[in-house]
Amino acid sequence: MANWINEAAKIVFSRTRKEVTWKNSRLVKELDPREIEAMKNGPGKNMIVFGSGSLVSQLTELGLIDEYHFILNPVLLGSGKSLISGVPKTSRLKLLEAKTYDSGNVVLRYALKSE
């Protein structure tokens, strides 16, 4: 996975960072829905968001996410914040795949359910 992520094109959304130094990375200060839509329609493979609930919340609100992949790690933390917040409407999801790993992790892949 390390080789794959090092070689992949990466977009870092940040209002505070001045630069990014990771190979194949570019810094974007503001989320522009038109730019995201253009990337989705452009050449290349799927895009993945790692570790940003606030970015996922914004993309969800704008209707720009096709699938959600949730990795469940069997650790009880006792507290924390919502994975996705601030989304103004309920969106029903359809389970596409559930995959278990020897570690106990489970990956759940969902798409928006057509109503």
PDB file of N, CA and C in Angstrom:
ATOM      1  N   MET A   1       0.819  -1.195   0.000  1.00  0.00           N
ATOM      2  CA  MET A   1       0.000   0.000   0.000  1.00  0.00           C
ATOM      3  C   MET A   1       0.865   1.261   0.000  1.00  0.00           C
ATOM      4  N   ALA A   2       2.004   1.211   0.709  1.00  0.00           N
ATOM      5  CA  ALA A   2       2.867   2.401   0.783  1.00  0.00           C
ATOM      6  C   ALA A   2       3.342   2.823  -0.595  1.00  0.00           C
ATOM      7  N   ASN A   3       3.749   1.872  -1.427  1.00  0.00           N
ATOM      8  CA  ASN A   3       4.200   2.210  -2.779  1.00  0.00           C
ATOM      9  C   ASN A   3       3.069   2.826  -3.590  1.00  0.00           C
ATOM     10  N   TRP A   4       1.877   2.228  -3.478  1.00  0.00           N
ATOM     11  CA  TRP A   4       0.739   2.734  -4.234  1.00  0.00           C
ATOM     12  C   TRP A   4       0.430   4.177  -3.839  1.00  0.00           C
ATOM     13  N   ILE A   5       0.364   4.440  -2.548  1.00  0.00           N
ATOM     14  CA  ILE A   5      -0.012   5.787  -2.106  1.00  0.00           C
ATOM     15  C   ILE A   5       1.088   6.803  -2.424  1.00  0.00           C
ATOM     16  N   ASN A   6       2.336   6.393  -2.375  1.00  0.00           N
ATOM     17  CA  ASN A   6       3.423   7.306  -2.738  1.00  0.00           C
ATOM     18  C   ASN A   6       3.356   7.708  -4.205  1.00  0.00           C
ATOM     19  N   GLU A   7       2.949   6.775  -5.068  1.00  0.00           N
ATOM     20  CA  GLU A   7       2.891   7.043  -6.509  1.00  0.00           C
ATOM     21  C   GLU A   7       1.599   7.731  -6.936  1.00  0.00           C
ATOM     22  N   ALA A   8       0.553   7.616  -6.150  1.00  0.00           N
ATOM     23  CA  ALA A   8      -0.753   8.172  -6.520  1.00  0.00           C
ATOM     24  C   ALA A   8      -0.724   9.699  -6.503  1.00  0.00           C
ATOM     25  N   ALA A   9      -1.544  10.297  -7.364  1.00  0.00           N
ATOM     26  CA  ALA A   9      -1.750  11.748  -7.326  1.00  0.00           C
ATOM     27  C   ALA A   9      -2.554  12.073  -6.081  1.00  0.00           C
ATOM     28  N   LYS A  10      -2.133  13.095  -5.351  1.00  0.00           N
ATOM     29  CA  LYS A  10      -2.776  13.457  -4.095  1.00  0.00           C
ATOM     30  C   LYS A  10      -3.140  14.936  -4.094  1.00  0.00           C
ATOM     31  N   ILE A  11      -4.333  15.221  -3.595  1.00  0.00           N
ATOM     32  CA  ILE A  11      -4.778  16.601  -3.412  1.00  0.00           C
ATOM     33  C   ILE A  11      -4.955  16.796  -1.917  1.00  0.00           C
ATOM     34  N   VAL A  12      -4.300  17.792  -1.370  1.00  0.00           N
ATOM     35  CA  VAL A  12      -4.390  18.101   0.051  1.00  0.00           C
ATOM     36  C   VAL A  12      -5.242  19.354   0.193  1.00  0.00           C
ATOM     37  N   PHE A  13      -6.401  19.210   0.845  1.00  0.00           N
ATOM     38  CA  PHE A  13      -7.275  20.351   1.099  1.00  0.00           C
ATOM     39  C   PHE A  13      -6.898  20.933   2.449  1.00  0.00           C
ATOM     40  N   SER A  14      -6.418  22.167   2.458  1.00  0.00           N
ATOM     41  CA  SER A  14      -6.030  22.804   3.712  1.00  0.00           C
ATOM     42  C   SER A  14      -6.043  24.314   3.545  1.00  0.00           C
ATOM     43  N   ARG A  15      -6.622  24.989   4.531  1.00  0.00           N
ATOM     44  CA  ARG A  15      -6.603  26.455   4.539  1.00  0.00           C
ATOM     45  C   ARG A  15      -5.393  26.988   5.288  1.00  0.00           C
ATOM     46  N   THR A  16      -4.693  26.120   6.024  1.00  0.00           N
ATOM     47  CA  THR A  16      -3.591  26.580   6.867  1.00  0.00           C
ATOM     48  C   THR A  16      -2.208  26.210   6.335  1.00  0.00           C
ATOM     49  N   ARG A  17      -2.103  25.116   5.613  1.00  0.00           N
ATOM     50  CA  ARG A  17      -0.791  24.714   5.092  1.00  0.00           C
ATOM     51  C   ARG A  17      -0.302  25.701   4.046  1.00  0.00           C
ATOM     52  N   LYS A  18       0.994  25.909   4.020  1.00  0.00           N
ATOM     53  CA  LYS A  18       1.599  26.793   3.015  1.00  0.00           C
ATOM     54  C   LYS A  18       2.087  26.009   1.807  1.00  0.00           C
ATOM     55  N   GLU A  19       2.482  24.740   2.033  1.00  0.00           N
ATOM     56  CA  GLU A  19       2.978  23.907   0.945  1.00  0.00           C
ATOM     57  C   GLU A  19       2.818  22.439   1.319  1.00  0.00           C
ATOM     58  N   VAL A  20       2.926  21.575   0.315  1.00  0.00           N
ATOM     59  CA  VAL A  20       2.953  20.135   0.533  1.00  0.00           C
ATOM     60  C   VAL A  20       4.195  19.592  -0.160  1.00  0.00           C
ATOM     61  N   THR A  21       4.841  18.650   0.488  1.00  0.00           N
ATOM     62  CA  THR A  21       6.106  18.132  -0.056  1.00  0.00           C
ATOM     63  C   THR A  21       6.027  16.666  -0.454  1.00  0.00           C
ATOM     64  N   TRP A  22       4.919  16.005  -0.155  1.00  0.00           N
ATOM     65  CA  TRP A  22       4.759  14.606  -0.510  1.00  0.00           C
ATOM     66  C   TRP A  22       4.722  14.466  -2.023  1.00  0.00           C
ATOM     67  N   LYS A  23       5.409  13.476  -2.552  1.00  0.00           N
ATOM     68  CA  LYS A  23       5.485  13.233  -3.998  1.00  0.00           C
ATOM     69  C   LYS A  23       4.084  13.213  -4.612  1.00  0.00           C
ATOM     70  N   ASN A  24       3.930  13.826  -5.778  1.00  0.00           N
ATOM     71  CA  ASN A  24       2.680  13.846  -6.549  1.00  0.00           C
ATOM     72  C   ASN A  24       1.530  14.519  -5.795  1.00  0.00           C
ATOM     73  N   SER A  25       1.837  15.510  -4.972  1.00  0.00           N
ATOM     74  CA  SER A  25       0.808  16.197  -4.192  1.00  0.00           C
ATOM     75  C   SER A  25       0.644  17.633  -4.653  1.00  0.00           C
ATOM     76  N   ARG A  26      -0.582  18.129  -4.511  1.00  0.00           N
ATOM     77  CA  ARG A  26      -0.828  19.549  -4.744  1.00  0.00           C
ATOM     78  C   ARG A  26      -1.763  20.053  -3.664  1.00  0.00           C
ATOM     79  N   LEU A  27      -1.603  21.309  -3.334  1.00  0.00           N
ATOM     80  CA  LEU A  27      -2.355  21.950  -2.262  1.00  0.00           C
ATOM     81  C   LEU A  27      -3.538  22.705  -2.850  1.00  0.00           C
ATOM     82  N   VAL A  28      -4.716  22.506  -2.262  1.00  0.00           N
ATOM     83  CA  VAL A  28      -5.926  23.229  -2.654  1.00  0.00           C
ATOM     84  C   VAL A  28      -6.480  23.893  -1.397  1.00  0.00           C
ATOM     85  N   LYS A  29      -6.663  25.205  -1.447  1.00  0.00           N
ATOM     86  CA  LYS A  29      -7.110  25.966  -0.273  1.00  0.00           C
ATOM     87  C   LYS A  29      -8.620  25.898  -0.056  1.00  0.00           C
ATOM     88  N   GLU A  30      -9.404  25.860  -1.121  1.00  0.00           N
ATOM     89  CA  GLU A  30     -10.869  25.867  -1.019  1.00  0.00           C
ATOM     90  C   GLU A  30     -11.460  24.776  -1.898  1.00  0.00           C
ATOM     91  N   LEU A  31     -12.516  24.147  -1.418  1.00  0.00           N
ATOM     92  CA  LEU A  31     -13.213  23.130  -2.194  1.00  0.00           C
ATOM     93  C   LEU A  31     -14.079  23.814  -3.239  1.00  0.00           C
ATOM     94  N   ASP A  32     -13.812  23.521  -4.505  1.00  0.00           N
ATOM     95  CA  ASP A  32     -14.600  24.050  -5.614  1.00  0.00           C
ATOM     96  C   ASP A  32     -15.360  22.883  -6.236  1.00  0.00           C
ATOM     97  N   PRO A  33     -16.688  22.835  -6.072  1.00  0.00           N
ATOM     98  CA  PRO A  33     -17.461  21.710  -6.596  1.00  0.00           C
ATOM     99  C   PRO A  33     -17.259  21.473  -8.091  1.00  0.00           C
ATOM    100  N   ARG A  34     -17.083  22.539  -8.865  1.00  0.00           N
ATOM    101  CA  ARG A  34     -16.874  22.375 -10.314  1.00  0.00           C
ATOM    102  C   ARG A  34     -15.561  21.671 -10.599  1.00  0.00           C
ATOM    103  N   GLU A  35     -14.532  21.974  -9.811  1.00  0.00           N
ATOM    104  CA  GLU A  35     -13.231  21.322  -9.992  1.00  0.00           C
ATOM    105  C   GLU A  35     -13.316  19.832  -9.636  1.00  0.00           C
ATOM    106  N   ILE A  36     -14.030  19.510  -8.567  1.00  0.00           N
ATOM    107  CA  ILE A  36     -14.203  18.113  -8.178  1.00  0.00           C
ATOM    108  C   ILE A  36     -14.970  17.360  -9.257  1.00  0.00           C
ATOM    109  N   GLU A  37     -16.040  17.956  -9.763  1.00  0.00           N
ATOM    110  CA  GLU A  37     -16.828  17.321 -10.826  1.00  0.00           C
ATOM    111  C   GLU A  37     -15.980  17.104 -12.070  1.00  0.00           C
ATOM    112  N   ALA A  38     -15.138  18.070 -12.419  1.00  0.00           N
ATOM    113  CA  ALA A  38     -14.252  17.923 -13.575  1.00  0.00           C
ATOM    114  C   ALA A  38     -13.255  16.780 -13.359  1.00  0.00           C
ATOM    115  N   MET A  39     -12.727  16.656 -12.144  1.00  0.00           N
ATOM    116  CA  MET A  39     -11.804  15.553 -11.849  1.00  0.00           C
ATOM    117  C   MET A  39     -12.521  14.208 -11.959  1.00  0.00           C
ATOM    118  N   LYS A  40     -13.758  14.145 -11.468  1.00  0.00           N
ATOM    119  CA  LYS A  40     -14.522  12.900 -11.541  1.00  0.00           C
ATOM    120  C   LYS A  40     -14.771  12.494 -12.990  1.00  0.00           C
ATOM    121  N   ASN A  41     -14.992  13.468 -13.861  1.00  0.00           N
ATOM    122  CA  ASN A  41     -15.292  13.184 -15.269  1.00  0.00           C
ATOM    123  C   ASN A  41     -14.043  13.057 -16.128  1.00  0.00           C
ATOM    124  N   GLY A  42     -12.884  13.360 -15.564  1.00  0.00           N
ATOM    125  CA  GLY A  42     -11.630  13.307 -16.313  1.00  0.00           C
ATOM    126  C   GLY A  42     -11.052  11.905 -16.369  1.00  0.00           C
ATOM    127  N   PRO A  43      -9.888  11.799 -16.975  1.00  0.00           N
ATOM    128  CA  PRO A  43      -9.242  10.488 -17.081  1.00  0.00           C
ATOM    129  C   PRO A  43      -8.715  10.018 -15.733  1.00  0.00           C
ATOM    130  N   GLY A  44      -8.523   8.734 -15.625  1.00  0.00           N
ATOM    131  CA  GLY A  44      -7.954   8.174 -14.409  1.00  0.00           C
ATOM    132  C   GLY A  44      -8.937   7.294 -13.674  1.00  0.00           C
ATOM    133  N   LYS A  45      -8.504   6.863 -12.532  1.00  0.00           N
ATOM    134  CA  LYS A  45      -9.288   5.924 -11.728  1.00  0.00           C
ATOM    135  C   LYS A  45     -10.104   6.671 -10.679  1.00  0.00           C
ATOM    136  N   ASN A  46     -10.645   5.914  -9.753  1.00  0.00           N
ATOM    137  CA  ASN A  46     -11.465   6.474  -8.684  1.00  0.00           C
ATOM    138  C   ASN A  46     -10.660   7.369  -7.763  1.00  0.00           C
ATOM    139  N   MET A  47     -11.359   8.278  -7.088  1.00  0.00           N
ATOM    140  CA  MET A  47     -10.748   9.139  -6.087  1.00  0.00           C
ATOM    141  C   MET A  47     -11.147   8.628  -4.708  1.00  0.00           C
ATOM    142  N   ILE A  48     -10.262   8.799  -3.746  1.00  0.00           N
ATOM    143  CA  ILE A  48     -10.483   8.340  -2.385  1.00  0.00           C
ATOM    144  C   ILE A  48     -10.201   9.497  -1.438  1.00  0.00           C
ATOM    145  N   VAL A  49     -11.036   9.653  -0.412  1.00  0.00           N
ATOM    146  CA  VAL A  49     -10.789  10.628   0.643  1.00  0.00           C
ATOM    147  C   VAL A  49     -10.316   9.859   1.869  1.00  0.00           C
ATOM    148  N   PHE A  50      -9.128  10.181   2.356  1.00  0.00           N
ATOM    149  CA  PHE A  50      -8.587   9.562   3.560  1.00  0.00           C
ATOM    150  C   PHE A  50      -8.664  10.553   4.717  1.00  0.00           C
ATOM    151  N   GLY A  51      -9.334  10.167   5.782  1.00  0.00           N
ATOM    152  CA  GLY A  51      -9.209  10.846   7.057  1.00  0.00           C
ATOM    153  C   GLY A  51      -9.737  12.246   7.200  1.00  0.00           C
ATOM    154  N   SER A  52     -10.783  12.624   6.477  1.00  0.00           N
ATOM    155  CA  SER A  52     -11.322  13.960   6.668  1.00  0.00           C
ATOM    156  C   SER A  52     -12.838  13.919   6.670  1.00  0.00           C
ATOM    157  N   GLY A  53     -13.406  13.792   7.870  1.00  0.00           N
ATOM    158  CA  GLY A  53     -14.857  13.799   7.989  1.00  0.00           C
ATOM    159  C   GLY A  53     -15.472  15.099   7.519  1.00  0.00           C
ATOM    160  N   SER A  54     -14.786  16.224   7.756  1.00  0.00           N
ATOM    161  CA  SER A  54     -15.354  17.510   7.332  1.00  0.00           C
ATOM    162  C   SER A  54     -15.379  17.615   5.808  1.00  0.00           C
ATOM    163  N   LEU A  55     -14.344  17.122   5.131  1.00  0.00           N
ATOM    164  CA  LEU A  55     -14.333  17.139   3.660  1.00  0.00           C
ATOM    165  C   LEU A  55     -15.408  16.202   3.120  1.00  0.00           C
ATOM    166  N   VAL A  56     -15.535  15.018   3.703  1.00  0.00           N
ATOM    167  CA  VAL A  56     -16.576  14.081   3.273  1.00  0.00           C
ATOM    168  C   VAL A  56     -17.955  14.687   3.488  1.00  0.00           C
ATOM    169  N   SER A  57     -18.144  15.385   4.598  1.00  0.00           N
ATOM    170  CA  SER A  57     -19.428  16.036   4.859  1.00  0.00           C
ATOM    171  C   SER A  57     -19.746  17.068   3.778  1.00  0.00           C
ATOM    172  N   GLN A  58     -18.760  17.867   3.397  1.00  0.00           N
ATOM    173  CA  GLN A  58     -18.972  18.875   2.350  1.00  0.00           C
ATOM    174  C   GLN A  58     -19.275  18.217   1.008  1.00  0.00           C
ATOM    175  N   LEU A  59     -18.508  17.186   0.657  1.00  0.00           N
ATOM    176  CA  LEU A  59     -18.721  16.488  -0.617  1.00  0.00           C
ATOM    177  C   LEU A  59     -20.082  15.787  -0.635  1.00  0.00           C
ATOM    178  N   THR A  60     -20.500  15.242   0.502  1.00  0.00           N
ATOM    179  CA  THR A  60     -21.818  14.610   0.604  1.00  0.00           C
ATOM    180  C   THR A  60     -22.910  15.642   0.383  1.00  0.00           C
ATOM    181  N   GLU A  61     -22.783  16.779   1.058  1.00  0.00           N
ATOM    182  CA  GLU A  61     -23.787  17.841   0.926  1.00  0.00           C
ATOM    183  C   GLU A  61     -23.909  18.309  -0.528  1.00  0.00           C
ATOM    184  N   LEU A  62     -22.793  18.292  -1.265  1.00  0.00           N
ATOM    185  CA  LEU A  62     -22.789  18.730  -2.662  1.00  0.00           C
ATOM    186  C   LEU A  62     -23.162  17.608  -3.633  1.00  0.00           C
ATOM    187  N   GLY A  63     -23.398  16.409  -3.117  1.00  0.00           N
ATOM    188  CA  GLY A  63     -23.782  15.284  -3.965  1.00  0.00           C
ATOM    189  C   GLY A  63     -22.647  14.768  -4.832  1.00  0.00           C
ATOM    190  N   LEU A  64     -21.411  14.879  -4.353  1.00  0.00           N
ATOM    191  CA  LEU A  64     -20.251  14.521  -5.171  1.00  0.00           C
ATOM    192  C   LEU A  64     -19.614  13.171  -4.809  1.00  0.00           C
ATOM    193  N   ILE A  65     -20.249  12.410  -3.933  1.00  0.00           N
ATOM    194  CA  ILE A  65     -19.704  11.104  -3.562  1.00  0.00           C
ATOM    195  C   ILE A  65     -20.572  10.018  -4.168  1.00  0.00           C
ATOM    196  N   ASP A  66     -19.924   9.088  -4.864  1.00  0.00           N
ATOM    197  CA  ASP A  66     -20.629   7.973  -5.490  1.00  0.00           C
ATOM    198  C   ASP A  66     -20.708   6.755  -4.574  1.00  0.00           C
ATOM    199  N   GLU A  67     -19.644   6.512  -3.824  1.00  0.00           N
ATOM    200  CA  GLU A  67     -19.602   5.368  -2.917  1.00  0.00           C
ATOM    201  C   GLU A  67     -18.918   5.760  -1.618  1.00  0.00           C
ATOM    202  N   TYR A  68     -19.318   5.078  -0.550  1.00  0.00           N
ATOM    203  CA  TYR A  68     -18.686   5.243   0.752  1.00  0.00           C
ATOM    204  C   TYR A  68     -18.069   3.907   1.131  1.00  0.00           C
ATOM    205  N   HIS A  69     -16.820   3.943   1.580  1.00  0.00           N
ATOM    206  CA  HIS A  69     -16.151   2.749   2.097  1.00  0.00           C
ATOM    207  C   HIS A  69     -15.822   3.036   3.549  1.00  0.00           C
ATOM    208  N   PHE A  70     -16.433   2.288   4.437  1.00  0.00           N
ATOM    209  CA  PHE A  70     -16.200   2.457   5.864  1.00  0.00           C
ATOM    210  C   PHE A  70     -15.351   1.301   6.357  1.00  0.00           C
ATOM    211  N   ILE A  71     -14.276   1.603   7.040  1.00  0.00           N
ATOM    212  CA  ILE A  71     -13.440   0.569   7.645  1.00  0.00           C
ATOM    213  C   ILE A  71     -13.744   0.553   9.135  1.00  0.00           C
ATOM    214  N   LEU A  72     -14.306  -0.554   9.592  1.00  0.00           N
ATOM    215  CA  LEU A  72     -14.618  -0.705  11.000  1.00  0.00           C
ATOM    216  C   LEU A  72     -13.457  -1.422  11.676  1.00  0.00           C
ATOM    217  N   ASN A  73     -12.916  -0.785  12.695  1.00  0.00           N
ATOM    218  CA  ASN A  73     -11.806  -1.334  13.452  1.00  0.00           C
ATOM    219  C   ASN A  73     -12.346  -1.694  14.832  1.00  0.00           C
ATOM    220  N   PRO A  74     -12.169  -2.945  15.258  1.00  0.00           N
ATOM    221  CA  PRO A  74     -12.805  -3.378  16.514  1.00  0.00           C
ATOM    222  C   PRO A  74     -12.128  -2.832  17.773  1.00  0.00           C
ATOM    223  N   VAL A  75     -12.251  -1.515  17.959  1.00  0.00           N
ATOM    224  CA  VAL A  75     -11.718  -0.854  19.149  1.00  0.00           C
ATOM    225  C   VAL A  75     -12.816   0.063  19.682  1.00  0.00           C
ATOM    226  N   LEU A  76     -13.130  -0.058  20.951  1.00  0.00           N
ATOM    227  CA  LEU A  76     -14.113   0.827  21.566  1.00  0.00           C
ATOM    228  C   LEU A  76     -13.388   2.012  22.183  1.00  0.00           C
ATOM    229  N   LEU A  77     -13.690   3.201  21.687  1.00  0.00           N
ATOM    230  CA  LEU A  77     -13.018   4.408  22.164  1.00  0.00           C
ATOM    231  C   LEU A  77     -13.773   5.089  23.295  1.00  0.00           C
ATOM    232  N   GLY A  78     -15.070   4.913  23.352  1.00  0.00           N
ATOM    233  CA  GLY A  78     -15.841   5.526  24.421  1.00  0.00           C
ATOM    234  C   GLY A  78     -16.333   6.926  24.127  1.00  0.00           C
ATOM    235  N   SER A  79     -15.724   7.606  23.173  1.00  0.00           N
ATOM    236  CA  SER A  79     -16.185   8.933  22.781  1.00  0.00           C
ATOM    237  C   SER A  79     -15.591   9.263  21.422  1.00  0.00           C
ATOM    238  N   GLY A  80     -15.996  10.357  20.885  1.00  0.00           N
ATOM    239  CA  GLY A  80     -15.490  10.771  19.576  1.00  0.00           C
ATOM    240  C   GLY A  80     -16.506  11.647  18.891  1.00  0.00           C
ATOM    241  N   LYS A  81     -16.206  12.012  17.661  1.00  0.00           N
ATOM    242  CA  LYS A  81     -17.139  12.860  16.941  1.00  0.00           C
ATOM    243  C   LYS A  81     -17.762  12.075  15.793  1.00  0.00           C
ATOM    244  N   SER A  82     -18.847  12.590  15.299  1.00  0.00           N
ATOM    245  CA  SER A  82     -19.586  11.957  14.220  1.00  0.00           C
ATOM    246  C   SER A  82     -18.712  11.855  12.975  1.00  0.00           C
ATOM    247  N   LEU A  83     -18.832  10.747  12.273  1.00  0.00           N
ATOM    248  CA  LEU A  83     -18.054  10.533  11.060  1.00  0.00           C
ATOM    249  C   LEU A  83     -18.394  11.561   9.986  1.00  0.00           C
ATOM    250  N   ILE A  84     -19.683  11.759   9.767  1.00  0.00           N
ATOM    251  CA  ILE A  84     -20.158  12.738   8.784  1.00  0.00           C
ATOM    252  C   ILE A  84     -21.204  13.590   9.484  1.00  0.00           C
ATOM    253  N   SER A  85     -21.008  14.910   9.489  1.00  0.00           N
ATOM    254  CA  SER A  85     -21.949  15.784  10.183  1.00  0.00           C
ATOM    255  C   SER A  85     -22.327  16.959   9.294  1.00  0.00           C
ATOM    256  N   GLY A  86     -23.411  17.604   9.651  1.00  0.00           N
ATOM    257  CA  GLY A  86     -23.833  18.799   8.932  1.00  0.00           C
ATOM    258  C   GLY A  86     -24.517  18.524   7.609  1.00  0.00           C
ATOM    259  N   VAL A  87     -24.830  17.263   7.324  1.00  0.00           N
ATOM    260  CA  VAL A  87     -25.508  16.932   6.073  1.00  0.00           C
ATOM    261  C   VAL A  87     -26.998  17.220   6.272  1.00  0.00           C
ATOM    262  N   PRO A  88     -27.580  18.070   5.412  1.00  0.00           N
ATOM    263  CA  PRO A  88     -28.923  18.575   5.674  1.00  0.00           C
ATOM    264  C   PRO A  88     -30.061  17.580   5.454  1.00  0.00           C
ATOM    265  N   LYS A  89     -29.822  16.471   4.777  1.00  0.00           N
ATOM    266  CA  LYS A  89     -30.913  15.529   4.530  1.00  0.00           C
ATOM    267  C   LYS A  89     -30.427  14.102   4.749  1.00  0.00           C
ATOM    268  N   THR A  90     -31.368  13.224   4.998  1.00  0.00           N
ATOM    269  CA  THR A  90     -31.059  11.813   5.171  1.00  0.00           C
ATOM    270  C   THR A  90     -30.808  11.199   3.803  1.00  0.00           C
ATOM    271  N   SER A  91     -29.752  10.443   3.690  1.00  0.00           N
ATOM    272  CA  SER A  91     -29.447   9.728   2.455  1.00  0.00           C
ATOM    273  C   SER A  91     -29.405   8.243   2.767  1.00  0.00           C
ATOM    274  N   ARG A  92     -30.217   7.478   2.077  1.00  0.00           N
ATOM    275  CA  ARG A  92     -30.244   6.035   2.290  1.00  0.00           C
ATOM    276  C   ARG A  92     -29.145   5.399   1.449  1.00  0.00           C
ATOM    277  N   LEU A  93     -28.453   4.443   2.058  1.00  0.00           N
ATOM    278  CA  LEU A  93     -27.335   3.783   1.401  1.00  0.00           C
ATOM    279  C   LEU A  93     -27.662   2.319   1.146  1.00  0.00           C
ATOM    280  N   LYS A  94     -27.097   1.788   0.061  1.00  0.00           N
ATOM    281  CA  LYS A  94     -27.268   0.377  -0.291  1.00  0.00           C
ATOM    282  C   LYS A  94     -25.926  -0.313  -0.109  1.00  0.00           C
ATOM    283  N   LEU A  95     -25.911  -1.395   0.673  1.00  0.00           N
ATOM    284  CA  LEU A  95     -24.683  -2.154   0.888  1.00  0.00           C
ATOM    285  C   LEU A  95     -24.305  -2.886  -0.397  1.00  0.00           C
ATOM    286  N   LEU A  96     -23.097  -2.620  -0.896  1.00  0.00           N
ATOM    287  CA  LEU A  96     -22.593  -3.270  -2.104  1.00  0.00           C
ATOM    288  C   LEU A  96     -21.664  -4.440  -1.778  1.00  0.00           C
ATOM    289  N   GLU A  97     -20.936  -4.302  -0.659  1.00  0.00           N
ATOM    290  CA  GLU A  97     -19.954  -5.332  -0.327  1.00  0.00           C
ATOM    291  C   GLU A  97     -19.566  -5.213   1.142  1.00  0.00           C
ATOM    292  N   ALA A  98     -19.325  -6.361   1.763  1.00  0.00           N
ATOM    293  CA  ALA A  98     -18.783  -6.411   3.118  1.00  0.00           C
ATOM    294  C   ALA A  98     -17.632  -7.405   3.092  1.00  0.00           C
ATOM    295  N   LYS A  99     -16.460  -6.941   3.513  1.00  0.00           N
ATOM    296  CA  LYS A  99     -15.266  -7.791   3.457  1.00  0.00           C
ATOM    297  C   LYS A  99     -14.604  -7.806   4.828  1.00  0.00           C
ATOM    298  N   THR A 100     -14.327  -9.000   5.334  1.00  0.00           N
ATOM    299  CA  THR A 100     -13.688  -9.122   6.641  1.00  0.00           C
ATOM    300  C   THR A 100     -12.216  -9.472   6.472  1.00  0.00           C
ATOM    301  N   TYR A 101     -11.426  -9.098   7.469  1.00  0.00           N
ATOM    302  CA  TYR A 101      -9.989  -9.357   7.468  1.00  0.00           C
ATOM    303  C   TYR A 101      -9.608 -10.081   8.752  1.00  0.00           C
ATOM    304  N   ASP A 102      -8.490 -10.800   8.717  1.00  0.00           N
ATOM    305  CA  ASP A 102      -8.012 -11.547   9.882  1.00  0.00           C
ATOM    306  C   ASP A 102      -7.799 -10.632  11.092  1.00  0.00           C
ATOM    307  N   SER A 103      -7.514  -9.372  10.858  1.00  0.00           N
ATOM    308  CA  SER A 103      -7.295  -8.413  11.945  1.00  0.00           C
ATOM    309  C   SER A 103      -8.569  -8.122  12.735  1.00  0.00           C
ATOM    310  N   GLY A 104      -9.711  -8.502  12.161  1.00  0.00           N
ATOM    311  CA  GLY A 104     -10.998  -8.163  12.757  1.00  0.00           C
ATOM    312  C   GLY A 104     -11.642  -6.960  12.083  1.00  0.00           C
ATOM    313  N   ASN A 105     -10.885  -6.253  11.260  1.00  0.00           N
ATOM    314  CA  ASN A 105     -11.440  -5.120  10.522  1.00  0.00           C
ATOM    315  C   ASN A 105     -12.481  -5.611   9.525  1.00  0.00           C
ATOM    316  N   VAL A 106     -13.455  -4.758   9.262  1.00  0.00           N
ATOM    317  CA  VAL A 106     -14.476  -5.032   8.263  1.00  0.00           C
ATOM    318  C   VAL A 106     -14.566  -3.798   7.369  1.00  0.00           C
ATOM    319  N   VAL A 107     -14.539  -4.000   6.057  1.00  0.00           N
ATOM    320  CA  VAL A 107     -14.715  -2.905   5.105  1.00  0.00           C
ATOM    321  C   VAL A 107     -16.112  -3.029   4.528  1.00  0.00           C
ATOM    322  N   LEU A 108     -16.878  -1.963   4.668  1.00  0.00           N
ATOM    323  CA  LEU A 108     -18.244  -1.916   4.150  1.00  0.00           C
ATOM    324  C   LEU A 108     -18.278  -0.912   3.006  1.00  0.00           C
ATOM    325  N   ARG A 109     -18.792  -1.349   1.850  1.00  0.00           N
ATOM    326  CA  ARG A 109     -18.858  -0.482   0.671  1.00  0.00           C
ATOM    327  C   ARG A 109     -20.325  -0.219   0.348  1.00  0.00           C
ATOM    328  N   TYR A 110     -20.674   1.068   0.323  1.00  0.00           N
ATOM    329  CA  TYR A 110     -22.048   1.489   0.095  1.00  0.00           C
ATOM    330  C   TYR A 110     -22.135   2.453  -1.092  1.00  0.00           C
ATOM    331  N   ALA A 111     -23.297   2.470  -1.739  1.00  0.00           N
ATOM    332  CA  ALA A 111     -23.627   3.473  -2.741  1.00  0.00           C
ATOM    333  C   ALA A 111     -24.935   4.128  -2.309  1.00  0.00           C
ATOM    334  N   LEU A 112     -25.195   5.313  -2.813  1.00  0.00           N
ATOM    335  CA  LEU A 112     -26.479   5.950  -2.536  1.00  0.00           C
ATOM    336  C   LEU A 112     -27.589   5.090  -3.124  1.00  0.00           C
ATOM    337  N   LYS A 113     -28.622   4.903  -2.356  1.00  0.00           N
ATOM    338  CA  LYS A 113     -29.754   4.087  -2.772  1.00  0.00           C
ATOM    339  C   LYS A 113     -30.663   4.938  -3.644  1.00  0.00           C
ATOM    340  N   SER A 114     -30.974   4.443  -4.838  1.00  0.00           N
ATOM    341  CA  SER A 114     -31.905   5.188  -5.689  1.00  0.00           C
ATOM    342  C   SER A 114     -33.315   4.972  -5.154  1.00  0.00           C
ATOM    343  N   GLU A 115     -34.053   6.032  -5.060  1.00  0.00           N
ATOM    344  CA  GLU A 115     -35.384   5.973  -4.426  1.00  0.00           C
ATOM    345  C   GLU A 115     -36.455   5.860  -5.461  1.00  0.00           C
TER     346      GLU A 115
END
